[in-house]
Amino acid sequence: MTTWEYLTTPLLIHNTAAILNNWGKQGWELVQVVTGPEGGLVGYFKRPVTDAAPANTGLASAAQAAQQFQE
């Protein structure tokens, strides 16, 4: 049975393609985009958990992506 890990991230309107491409390169599949509670867009992603990518690696990926877009 496939097990999944999930990630949510804000999607900046002016940089949406770059954000989606960044997560896609890391193996994340976009599941849904919704309006966040304070406006703006939030992307919901998933990817299968494998031996090479154990559960909760999404937290490290999120931190790395956040740092990339802050620079």
PDB file of N, CA and C in Angstrom:
ATOM      1  N   MET A   1       0.833  -1.165   0.000  1.00  0.00           N
ATOM      2  CA  MET A   1       0.000   0.000   0.000  1.00  0.00           C
ATOM      3  C   MET A   1       0.893   1.249   0.000  1.00  0.00           C
ATOM      4  N   THR A   2       0.540   2.217  -0.802  1.00  0.00           N
ATOM      5  CA  THR A   2       1.289   3.458  -0.868  1.00  0.00           C
ATOM      6  C   THR A   2       0.933   4.336   0.322  1.00  0.00           C
ATOM      7  N   THR A   3       1.950   4.881   0.965  1.00  0.00           N
ATOM      8  CA  THR A   3       1.723   5.879   2.006  1.00  0.00           C
ATOM      9  C   THR A   3       2.186   7.222   1.473  1.00  0.00           C
ATOM     10  N   TRP A   4       1.560   8.284   1.942  1.00  0.00           N
ATOM     11  CA  TRP A   4       1.799   9.616   1.408  1.00  0.00           C
ATOM     12  C   TRP A   4       2.245  10.568   2.499  1.00  0.00           C
ATOM     13  N   GLU A   5       3.002  11.579   2.094  1.00  0.00           N
ATOM     14  CA  GLU A   5       3.250  12.722   2.952  1.00  0.00           C
ATOM     15  C   GLU A   5       2.663  13.935   2.256  1.00  0.00           C
ATOM     16  N   TYR A   6       2.268  14.917   3.043  1.00  0.00           N
ATOM     17  CA  TYR A   6       1.555  16.078   2.522  1.00  0.00           C
ATOM     18  C   TYR A   6       2.251  17.367   2.928  1.00  0.00           C
ATOM     19  N   LEU A   7       2.020  18.394   2.130  1.00  0.00           N
ATOM     20  CA  LEU A   7       2.636  19.689   2.359  1.00  0.00           C
ATOM     21  C   LEU A   7       1.670  20.774   1.922  1.00  0.00           C
ATOM     22  N   THR A   8       1.592  21.847   2.682  1.00  0.00           N
ATOM     23  CA  THR A   8       0.841  23.024   2.243  1.00  0.00           C
ATOM     24  C   THR A   8       1.804  24.197   2.198  1.00  0.00           C
ATOM     25  N   THR A   9       1.598  25.079   1.243  1.00  0.00           N
ATOM     26  CA  THR A   9       2.464  26.242   1.110  1.00  0.00           C
ATOM     27  C   THR A   9       1.705  27.389   0.459  1.00  0.00           C
ATOM     28  N   PRO A  10       1.997  28.624   0.879  1.00  0.00           N
ATOM     29  CA  PRO A  10       1.371  29.758   0.197  1.00  0.00           C
ATOM     30  C   PRO A  10       1.910  29.884  -1.218  1.00  0.00           C
ATOM     31  N   LEU A  11       1.074  30.328  -2.129  1.00  0.00           N
ATOM     32  CA  LEU A  11       1.479  30.547  -3.515  1.00  0.00           C
ATOM     33  C   LEU A  11       1.415  32.045  -3.794  1.00  0.00           C
ATOM     34  N   LEU A  12       2.563  32.627  -4.019  1.00  0.00           N
ATOM     35  CA  LEU A  12       2.636  34.059  -4.310  1.00  0.00           C
ATOM     36  C   LEU A  12       2.223  34.289  -5.748  1.00  0.00           C
ATOM     37  N   ILE A  13       1.275  35.160  -5.966  1.00  0.00           N
ATOM     38  CA  ILE A  13       0.703  35.402  -7.288  1.00  0.00           C
ATOM     39  C   ILE A  13       1.777  35.753  -8.309  1.00  0.00           C
ATOM     40  N   HIS A  14       2.734  36.573  -7.922  1.00  0.00           N
ATOM     41  CA  HIS A  14       3.749  37.018  -8.879  1.00  0.00           C
ATOM     42  C   HIS A  14       4.825  35.972  -9.154  1.00  0.00           C
ATOM     43  N   ASN A  15       4.803  34.853  -8.426  1.00  0.00           N
ATOM     44  CA  ASN A  15       5.862  33.851  -8.588  1.00  0.00           C
ATOM     45  C   ASN A  15       5.316  32.429  -8.552  1.00  0.00           C
ATOM     46  N   THR A  16       4.065  32.251  -8.920  1.00  0.00           N
ATOM     47  CA  THR A  16       3.408  30.948  -8.790  1.00  0.00           C
ATOM     48  C   THR A  16       4.116  29.846  -9.577  1.00  0.00           C
ATOM     49  N   ALA A  17       4.456  30.104 -10.832  1.00  0.00           N
ATOM     50  CA  ALA A  17       5.088  29.065 -11.661  1.00  0.00           C
ATOM     51  C   ALA A  17       6.401  28.600 -11.054  1.00  0.00           C
ATOM     52  N   ALA A  18       7.215  29.516 -10.572  1.00  0.00           N
ATOM     53  CA  ALA A  18       8.500  29.143  -9.979  1.00  0.00           C
ATOM     54  C   ALA A  18       8.297  28.293  -8.723  1.00  0.00           C
ATOM     55  N   ILE A  19       7.324  28.659  -7.911  1.00  0.00           N
ATOM     56  CA  ILE A  19       7.040  27.903  -6.692  1.00  0.00           C
ATOM     57  C   ILE A  19       6.581  26.488  -7.047  1.00  0.00           C
ATOM     58  N   LEU A  20       5.629  26.381  -7.977  1.00  0.00           N
ATOM     59  CA  LEU A  20       5.126  25.057  -8.370  1.00  0.00           C
ATOM     60  C   LEU A  20       6.228  24.210  -8.994  1.00  0.00           C
ATOM     61  N   ASN A  21       7.057  24.808  -9.848  1.00  0.00           N
ATOM     62  CA  ASN A  21       8.161  24.064 -10.459  1.00  0.00           C
ATOM     63  C   ASN A  21       9.167  23.590  -9.414  1.00  0.00           C
ATOM     64  N   ASN A  22       9.429  24.413  -8.415  1.00  0.00           N
ATOM     65  CA  ASN A  22      10.356  24.035  -7.350  1.00  0.00           C
ATOM     66  C   ASN A  22       9.860  22.793  -6.606  1.00  0.00           C
ATOM     67  N   TRP A  23       8.589  22.798  -6.222  1.00  0.00           N
ATOM     68  CA  TRP A  23       8.039  21.637  -5.512  1.00  0.00           C
ATOM     69  C   TRP A  23       7.971  20.418  -6.430  1.00  0.00           C
ATOM     70  N   GLY A  24       7.620  20.629  -7.702  1.00  0.00           N
ATOM     71  CA  GLY A  24       7.569  19.510  -8.646  1.00  0.00           C
ATOM     72  C   GLY A  24       8.912  18.832  -8.818  1.00  0.00           C
ATOM     73  N   LYS A  25       9.991  19.607  -8.843  1.00  0.00           N
ATOM     74  CA  LYS A  25      11.335  19.039  -8.970  1.00  0.00           C
ATOM     75  C   LYS A  25      11.705  18.193  -7.764  1.00  0.00           C
ATOM     76  N   GLN A  26      11.068  18.466  -6.631  1.00  0.00           N
ATOM     77  CA  GLN A  26      11.344  17.691  -5.421  1.00  0.00           C
ATOM     78  C   GLN A  26      10.389  16.507  -5.267  1.00  0.00           C
ATOM     79  N   GLY A  27       9.587  16.256  -6.313  1.00  0.00           N
ATOM     80  CA  GLY A  27       8.718  15.085  -6.301  1.00  0.00           C
ATOM     81  C   GLY A  27       7.319  15.324  -5.770  1.00  0.00           C
ATOM     82  N   TRP A  28       6.957  16.580  -5.476  1.00  0.00           N
ATOM     83  CA  TRP A  28       5.638  16.891  -4.949  1.00  0.00           C
ATOM     84  C   TRP A  28       4.652  17.080  -6.089  1.00  0.00           C
ATOM     85  N   GLU A  29       3.460  16.524  -5.914  1.00  0.00           N
ATOM     86  CA  GLU A  29       2.371  16.663  -6.886  1.00  0.00           C
ATOM     87  C   GLU A  29       1.328  17.611  -6.315  1.00  0.00           C
ATOM     88  N   LEU A  30       0.966  18.624  -7.107  1.00  0.00           N
ATOM     89  CA  LEU A  30      -0.071  19.563  -6.681  1.00  0.00           C
ATOM     90  C   LEU A  30      -1.413  18.856  -6.675  1.00  0.00           C
ATOM     91  N   VAL A  31      -2.107  18.921  -5.551  1.00  0.00           N
ATOM     92  CA  VAL A  31      -3.411  18.276  -5.415  1.00  0.00           C
ATOM     93  C   VAL A  31      -4.531  19.289  -5.569  1.00  0.00           C
ATOM     94  N   GLN A  32      -4.354  20.453  -4.937  1.00  0.00           N
ATOM     95  CA  GLN A  32      -5.424  21.442  -4.941  1.00  0.00           C
ATOM     96  C   GLN A  32      -4.860  22.812  -4.583  1.00  0.00           C
ATOM     97  N   VAL A  33      -5.515  23.854  -5.086  1.00  0.00           N
ATOM     98  CA  VAL A  33      -5.215  25.226  -4.708  1.00  0.00           C
ATOM     99  C   VAL A  33      -6.501  25.820  -4.155  1.00  0.00           C
ATOM    100  N   VAL A  34      -6.410  26.406  -2.960  1.00  0.00           N
ATOM    101  CA  VAL A  34      -7.583  27.019  -2.331  1.00  0.00           C
ATOM    102  C   VAL A  34      -7.219  28.418  -1.849  1.00  0.00           C
ATOM    103  N   THR A  35      -8.227  29.208  -1.573  1.00  0.00           N
ATOM    104  CA  THR A  35      -8.019  30.519  -0.969  1.00  0.00           C
ATOM    105  C   THR A  35      -7.755  30.329   0.514  1.00  0.00           C
ATOM    106  N   GLY A  36      -6.682  30.935   0.998  1.00  0.00           N
ATOM    107  CA  GLY A  36      -6.326  30.815   2.407  1.00  0.00           C
ATOM    108  C   GLY A  36      -7.256  31.600   3.298  1.00  0.00           C
ATOM    109  N   PRO A  37      -7.161  31.396   4.612  1.00  0.00           N
ATOM    110  CA  PRO A  37      -8.058  32.061   5.556  1.00  0.00           C
ATOM    111  C   PRO A  37      -7.894  33.576   5.574  1.00  0.00           C
ATOM    112  N   GLU A  38      -6.740  34.063   5.195  1.00  0.00           N
ATOM    113  CA  GLU A  38      -6.505  35.514   5.168  1.00  0.00           C
ATOM    114  C   GLU A  38      -6.386  36.018   3.735  1.00  0.00           C
ATOM    115  N   GLY A  39      -6.954  35.291   2.796  1.00  0.00           N
ATOM    116  CA  GLY A  39      -6.817  35.632   1.386  1.00  0.00           C
ATOM    117  C   GLY A  39      -5.564  34.974   0.832  1.00  0.00           C
ATOM    118  N   GLY A  40      -5.266  35.231  -0.409  1.00  0.00           N
ATOM    119  CA  GLY A  40      -4.108  34.585  -1.021  1.00  0.00           C
ATOM    120  C   GLY A  40      -4.400  33.133  -1.333  1.00  0.00           C
ATOM    121  N   LEU A  41      -3.484  32.501  -2.016  1.00  0.00           N
ATOM    122  CA  LEU A  41      -3.665  31.115  -2.425  1.00  0.00           C
ATOM    123  C   LEU A  41      -2.769  30.190  -1.616  1.00  0.00           C
ATOM    124  N   VAL A  42      -3.281  28.997  -1.348  1.00  0.00           N
ATOM    125  CA  VAL A  42      -2.518  27.964  -0.650  1.00  0.00           C
ATOM    126  C   VAL A  42      -2.524  26.720  -1.520  1.00  0.00           C
ATOM    127  N   GLY A  43      -1.344  26.153  -1.764  1.00  0.00           N
ATOM    128  CA  GLY A  43      -1.225  24.921  -2.535  1.00  0.00           C
ATOM    129  C   GLY A  43      -1.109  23.722  -1.608  1.00  0.00           C
ATOM    130  N   TYR A  44      -1.831  22.664  -1.944  1.00  0.00           N
ATOM    131  CA  TYR A  44      -1.763  21.398  -1.219  1.00  0.00           C
ATOM    132  C   TYR A  44      -1.060  20.391  -2.116  1.00  0.00           C
ATOM    133  N   PHE A  45      -0.010  19.769  -1.595  1.00  0.00           N
ATOM    134  CA  PHE A  45       0.812  18.844  -2.361  1.00  0.00           C
ATOM    135  C   PHE A  45       0.878  17.499  -1.652  1.00  0.00           C
ATOM    136  N   LYS A  46       1.223  16.458  -2.429  1.00  0.00           N
ATOM    137  CA  LYS A  46       1.462  15.144  -1.845  1.00  0.00           C
ATOM    138  C   LYS A  46       2.576  14.468  -2.637  1.00  0.00           C
ATOM    139  N   ARG A  47       3.228  13.504  -1.991  1.00  0.00           N
ATOM    140  CA  ARG A  47       4.178  12.636  -2.674  1.00  0.00           C
ATOM    141  C   ARG A  47       4.268  11.338  -1.896  1.00  0.00           C
ATOM    142  N   PRO A  48       4.577  10.253  -2.593  1.00  0.00           N
ATOM    143  CA  PRO A  48       4.676   8.970  -1.900  1.00  0.00           C
ATOM    144  C   PRO A  48       5.889   8.950  -0.983  1.00  0.00           C
ATOM    145  N   VAL A  49       5.733   8.301   0.144  1.00  0.00           N
ATOM    146  CA  VAL A  49       6.846   8.102   1.062  1.00  0.00           C
ATOM    147  C   VAL A  49       7.609   6.878   0.584  1.00  0.00           C
ATOM    148  N   THR A  50       8.907   7.039   0.405  1.00  0.00           N
ATOM    149  CA  THR A  50       9.778   5.924   0.001  1.00  0.00           C
ATOM    150  C   THR A  50      10.923   5.820   0.991  1.00  0.00           C
ATOM    151  N   ASP A  51      11.734   4.791   0.836  1.00  0.00           N
ATOM    152  CA  ASP A  51      12.920   4.651   1.685  1.00  0.00           C
ATOM    153  C   ASP A  51      13.872   5.820   1.476  1.00  0.00           C
ATOM    154  N   ALA A  52      13.909   6.345   0.236  1.00  0.00           N
ATOM    155  CA  ALA A  52      14.798   7.465  -0.070  1.00  0.00           C
ATOM    156  C   ALA A  52      14.252   8.778   0.489  1.00  0.00           C
ATOM    157  N   ALA A  53      12.945   8.860   0.687  1.00  0.00           N
ATOM    158  CA  ALA A  53      12.319  10.082   1.205  1.00  0.00           C
ATOM    159  C   ALA A  53      11.405   9.714   2.368  1.00  0.00           C
ATOM    160  N   PRO A  54      11.979   9.520   3.565  1.00  0.00           N
ATOM    161  CA  PRO A  54      11.145   9.122   4.695  1.00  0.00           C
ATOM    162  C   PRO A  54      10.141  10.206   5.079  1.00  0.00           C
ATOM    163  N   ALA A  55       9.148   9.817   5.856  1.00  0.00           N
ATOM    164  CA  ALA A  55       8.093  10.753   6.270  1.00  0.00           C
ATOM    165  C   ALA A  55       8.686  11.980   6.954  1.00  0.00           C
ATOM    166  N   ASN A  56       8.009  13.085   6.812  1.00  0.00           N
ATOM    167  CA  ASN A  56       8.355  14.368   7.412  1.00  0.00           C
ATOM    168  C   ASN A  56       9.531  15.068   6.751  1.00  0.00           C
ATOM    169  N   THR A  57       9.996  14.596   5.611  1.00  0.00           N
ATOM    170  CA  THR A  57      11.022  15.346   4.898  1.00  0.00           C
ATOM    171  C   THR A  57      10.421  16.600   4.293  1.00  0.00           C
ATOM    172  N   GLY A  58       9.105  16.682   4.252  1.00  0.00           N
ATOM    173  CA  GLY A  58       8.438  17.876   3.748  1.00  0.00           C
ATOM    174  C   GLY A  58       8.780  19.107   4.565  1.00  0.00           C
ATOM    175  N   LEU A  59       9.028  18.939   5.856  1.00  0.00           N
ATOM    176  CA  LEU A  59       9.381  20.082   6.691  1.00  0.00           C
ATOM    177  C   LEU A  59      10.716  20.673   6.260  1.00  0.00           C
ATOM    178  N   ALA A  60      11.690  19.832   5.990  1.00  0.00           N
ATOM    179  CA  ALA A  60      12.987  20.319   5.529  1.00  0.00           C
ATOM    180  C   ALA A  60      12.851  20.961   4.156  1.00  0.00           C
ATOM    181  N   SER A  61      12.046  20.362   3.276  1.00  0.00           N
ATOM    182  CA  SER A  61      11.820  20.925   1.944  1.00  0.00           C
ATOM    183  C   SER A  61      11.149  22.286   2.034  1.00  0.00           C
ATOM    184  N   ALA A  62      10.194  22.421   2.936  1.00  0.00           N
ATOM    185  CA  ALA A  62       9.496  23.695   3.101  1.00  0.00           C
ATOM    186  C   ALA A  62      10.447  24.779   3.585  1.00  0.00           C
ATOM    187  N   ALA A  63      11.305  24.442   4.526  1.00  0.00           N
ATOM    188  CA  ALA A  63      12.270  25.419   5.031  1.00  0.00           C
ATOM    189  C   ALA A  63      13.235  25.852   3.936  1.00  0.00           C
ATOM    190  N   GLN A  64      13.679  24.885   3.139  1.00  0.00           N
ATOM    191  CA  GLN A  64      14.594  25.187   2.039  1.00  0.00           C
ATOM    192  C   GLN A  64      13.917  26.085   1.012  1.00  0.00           C
ATOM    193  N   ALA A  65      12.692  25.792   0.652  1.00  0.00           N
ATOM    194  CA  ALA A  65      11.972  26.595  -0.335  1.00  0.00           C
ATOM    195  C   ALA A  65      11.701  27.991   0.199  1.00  0.00           C
ATOM    196  N   ALA A  66      11.324  28.106   1.456  1.00  0.00           N
ATOM    197  CA  ALA A  66      11.059  29.412   2.045  1.00  0.00           C
ATOM    198  C   ALA A  66      12.313  30.273   2.022  1.00  0.00           C
ATOM    199  N   GLN A  67      13.441  29.671   2.340  1.00  0.00           N
ATOM    200  CA  GLN A  67      14.701  30.414   2.329  1.00  0.00           C
ATOM    201  C   GLN A  67      15.042  30.879   0.920  1.00  0.00           C
ATOM    202  N   GLN A  68      14.804  30.031  -0.065  1.00  0.00           N
ATOM    203  CA  GLN A  68      15.107  30.366  -1.468  1.00  0.00           C
ATOM    204  C   GLN A  68      14.314  31.593  -1.911  1.00  0.00           C
ATOM    205  N   PHE A  69      13.039  31.679  -1.532  1.00  0.00           N
ATOM    206  CA  PHE A  69      12.202  32.777  -1.994  1.00  0.00           C
ATOM    207  C   PHE A  69      12.368  34.039  -1.138  1.00  0.00           C
ATOM    208  N   GLN A  70      13.014  33.929   0.018  1.00  0.00           N
ATOM    209  CA  GLN A  70      13.279  35.109   0.833  1.00  0.00           C
ATOM    210  C   GLN A  70      14.527  35.850   0.358  1.00  0.00           C
ATOM    211  N   GLU A  71      15.407  35.151  -0.327  1.00  0.00           N
ATOM    212  CA  GLU A  71      16.669  35.743  -0.775  1.00  0.00           C
ATOM    213  C   GLU A  71      16.498  36.623  -1.973  1.00  0.00           C
TER     214      GLU A  71
END
